[in-house]
Amino acid sequence: MAVTVFIRYQIDPFKRAMFEQYAQRWVSIIPKCGGDLGGYWMPHEGTNNIAFALISFESLAAYESYRARLRNDAEGLANFNFAEENKFILAEERTFLRKVVA
């Protein structure tokens, strides 16, 4: 069963540009590690501190394999460190979804 990971980020609204850099870096890293990136979304109007990402996988097992590859990927680790050092992500929530209707 295919799954999509919905990630909800609470970000520092004064560091949105840093979050955007972080998101753009995942465009090449995520597919290389086995994820199908649906995209990242930034605040535009209204709430200024919530962002989202969608990443799909063939199965939960494929997601677990992806996470292992990501932890061993130099670019992925560098991007995680960029986020940690700059503290622009205040909270992160993951929800695993399955498609009901195309």
C-alpha atoms as a PDB file:
ATOM      1  CA  MET A   1       0.000   0.000   0.000  1.00  0.00           C
ATOM      2  CA  ALA A   2       1.399   3.384  -1.013  1.00  0.00           C
ATOM      3  CA  VAL A   3       1.688   6.004   1.716  1.00  0.00           C
ATOM      4  CA  THR A   4       2.225   9.740   1.713  1.00  0.00           C
ATOM      5  CA  VAL A   5       3.896  11.475   4.611  1.00  0.00           C
ATOM      6  CA  PHE A   6       2.269  14.834   5.348  1.00  0.00           C
ATOM      7  CA  ILE A   7       4.700  16.996   7.322  1.00  0.00           C
ATOM      8  CA  ARG A   8       3.406  20.079   9.119  1.00  0.00           C
ATOM      9  CA  TYR A   9       6.096  22.507  10.188  1.00  0.00           C
ATOM     10  CA  GLN A  10       5.778  25.343  12.657  1.00  0.00           C
ATOM     11  CA  ILE A  11       8.476  27.775  11.564  1.00  0.00           C
ATOM     12  CA  ASP A  12       9.917  31.002  12.890  1.00  0.00           C
ATOM     13  CA  PRO A  13       8.076  33.612  10.786  1.00  0.00           C
ATOM     14  CA  PHE A  14      11.168  35.835  10.825  1.00  0.00           C
ATOM     15  CA  LYS A  15      13.270  33.041   9.287  1.00  0.00           C
ATOM     16  CA  ARG A  16      10.988  32.015   6.403  1.00  0.00           C
ATOM     17  CA  ALA A  17      13.762  32.608   3.860  1.00  0.00           C
ATOM     18  CA  MET A  18      15.926  30.037   5.661  1.00  0.00           C
ATOM     19  CA  PHE A  19      13.094  27.513   5.627  1.00  0.00           C
ATOM     20  CA  GLU A  20      12.671  28.119   1.898  1.00  0.00           C
ATOM     21  CA  GLN A  21      16.394  27.373   1.353  1.00  0.00           C
ATOM     22  CA  TYR A  22      15.993  24.216   3.437  1.00  0.00           C
ATOM     23  CA  ALA A  23      12.988  23.098   1.360  1.00  0.00           C
ATOM     24  CA  GLN A  24      14.724  23.804  -1.953  1.00  0.00           C
ATOM     25  CA  ARG A  25      17.689  21.644  -0.932  1.00  0.00           C
ATOM     26  CA  TRP A  26      15.381  18.635  -0.437  1.00  0.00           C
ATOM     27  CA  VAL A  27      14.347  18.742  -4.125  1.00  0.00           C
ATOM     28  CA  SER A  28      17.427  16.740  -5.120  1.00  0.00           C
ATOM     29  CA  ILE A  29      18.081  14.890  -1.837  1.00  0.00           C
ATOM     30  CA  ILE A  30      14.665  13.276  -1.303  1.00  0.00           C
ATOM     31  CA  PRO A  31      14.405  11.535  -4.716  1.00  0.00           C
ATOM     32  CA  LYS A  32      18.035  10.390  -4.459  1.00  0.00           C
ATOM     33  CA  CYS A  33      17.186   8.667  -1.162  1.00  0.00           C
ATOM     34  CA  GLY A  34      13.982   7.042  -2.487  1.00  0.00           C
ATOM     35  CA  GLY A  35      11.126   9.458  -1.781  1.00  0.00           C
ATOM     36  CA  ASP A  36       8.675  10.914  -4.287  1.00  0.00           C
ATOM     37  CA  LEU A  37       8.527  14.586  -3.339  1.00  0.00           C
ATOM     38  CA  GLY A  38       5.061  16.060  -3.808  1.00  0.00           C
ATOM     39  CA  GLY A  39       6.350  19.465  -2.774  1.00  0.00           C
ATOM     40  CA  TYR A  40       6.870  21.996  -0.018  1.00  0.00           C
ATOM     41  CA  TRP A  41       4.437  24.821   0.702  1.00  0.00           C
ATOM     42  CA  MET A  42       5.298  28.102   2.405  1.00  0.00           C
ATOM     43  CA  PRO A  43       3.057  30.692   4.065  1.00  0.00           C
ATOM     44  CA  HIS A  44       1.760  33.255   1.580  1.00  0.00           C
ATOM     45  CA  GLU A  45      -1.269  34.953   3.135  1.00  0.00           C
ATOM     46  CA  GLY A  46      -2.823  34.515   6.536  1.00  0.00           C
ATOM     47  CA  THR A  47      -0.921  32.369   9.014  1.00  0.00           C
ATOM     48  CA  ASN A  48       2.777  33.167   8.673  1.00  0.00           C
ATOM     49  CA  ASN A  49       4.365  30.338  10.659  1.00  0.00           C
ATOM     50  CA  ILE A  50       3.019  27.083   9.168  1.00  0.00           C
ATOM     51  CA  ALA A  51       4.564  25.219   6.213  1.00  0.00           C
ATOM     52  CA  PHE A  52       3.875  21.779   4.718  1.00  0.00           C
ATOM     53  CA  ALA A  53       5.562  19.004   2.754  1.00  0.00           C
ATOM     54  CA  LEU A  54       4.247  15.864   1.032  1.00  0.00           C
ATOM     55  CA  ILE A  55       6.489  12.879   0.305  1.00  0.00           C
ATOM     56  CA  SER A  56       5.168   9.573  -1.059  1.00  0.00           C
ATOM     57  CA  PHE A  57       6.503   6.028  -0.787  1.00  0.00           C
ATOM     58  CA  GLU A  58       5.504   2.596  -2.087  1.00  0.00           C
ATOM     59  CA  SER A  59       5.013   1.356   1.477  1.00  0.00           C
ATOM     60  CA  LEU A  60       5.894   2.000   5.118  1.00  0.00           C
ATOM     61  CA  ALA A  61       8.883  -0.318   4.633  1.00  0.00           C
ATOM     62  CA  ALA A  62      10.063   1.874   1.744  1.00  0.00           C
ATOM     63  CA  TYR A  63       9.714   4.899   4.025  1.00  0.00           C
ATOM     64  CA  GLU A  64      11.867   3.207   6.691  1.00  0.00           C
ATOM     65  CA  SER A  65      14.536   2.407   4.070  1.00  0.00           C
ATOM     66  CA  TYR A  66      14.412   6.019   2.886  1.00  0.00           C
ATOM     67  CA  ARG A  67      14.929   7.289   6.455  1.00  0.00           C
ATOM     68  CA  ALA A  68      17.999   5.042   6.823  1.00  0.00           C
ATOM     69  CA  ARG A  69      19.470   6.286   3.519  1.00  0.00           C
ATOM     70  CA  LEU A  70      18.715   9.884   4.479  1.00  0.00           C
ATOM     71  CA  ARG A  71      20.629   9.541   7.765  1.00  0.00           C
ATOM     72  CA  ASN A  72      23.685   8.372   5.793  1.00  0.00           C
ATOM     73  CA  ASP A  73      23.475  10.978   3.023  1.00  0.00           C
ATOM     74  CA  ALA A  74      26.017  13.817   3.349  1.00  0.00           C
ATOM     75  CA  GLU A  75      23.724  16.411   1.729  1.00  0.00           C
ATOM     76  CA  GLY A  76      20.774  15.301   3.845  1.00  0.00           C
ATOM     77  CA  LEU A  77      22.799  15.501   7.052  1.00  0.00           C
ATOM     78  CA  ALA A  78      24.091  18.935   6.055  1.00  0.00           C
ATOM     79  CA  ASN A  79      20.507  20.139   5.521  1.00  0.00           C
ATOM     80  CA  PHE A  80      19.359  18.745   8.877  1.00  0.00           C
ATOM     81  CA  ASN A  81      22.336  20.503  10.511  1.00  0.00           C
ATOM     82  CA  PHE A  82      21.461  23.766   8.712  1.00  0.00           C
ATOM     83  CA  ALA A  83      17.975  23.612  10.246  1.00  0.00           C
ATOM     84  CA  GLU A  84      19.250  22.722  13.693  1.00  0.00           C
ATOM     85  CA  GLU A  85      21.938  25.412  13.746  1.00  0.00           C
ATOM     86  CA  ASN A  86      19.568  28.156  12.564  1.00  0.00           C
ATOM     87  CA  LYS A  87      16.526  27.018  14.583  1.00  0.00           C
ATOM     88  CA  PHE A  88      13.921  28.077  12.015  1.00  0.00           C
ATOM     89  CA  ILE A  89      11.833  24.920  12.545  1.00  0.00           C
ATOM     90  CA  LEU A  90      10.083  25.199  15.899  1.00  0.00           C
ATOM     91  CA  ALA A  91       7.997  22.004  15.649  1.00  0.00           C
ATOM     92  CA  GLU A  92       7.383  19.223  13.140  1.00  0.00           C
ATOM     93  CA  GLU A  93       4.466  16.773  12.905  1.00  0.00           C
ATOM     94  CA  ARG A  94       4.199  13.759  10.589  1.00  0.00           C
ATOM     95  CA  THR A  95       0.967  12.126   9.479  1.00  0.00           C
ATOM     96  CA  PHE A  96       0.931   9.038   7.261  1.00  0.00           C
ATOM     97  CA  LEU A  97      -1.830   9.102   4.664  1.00  0.00           C
ATOM     98  CA  ARG A  98      -3.183   6.681   2.078  1.00  0.00           C
ATOM     99  CA  LYS A  99      -4.906   7.846  -1.073  1.00  0.00           C
ATOM    100  CA  VAL A 100      -8.615   7.103  -1.221  1.00  0.00           C
ATOM    101  CA  VAL A 101      -9.510   8.717  -4.544  1.00  0.00           C
ATOM    102  CA  ALA A 102      -7.243   9.961  -7.330  1.00  0.00           C
END
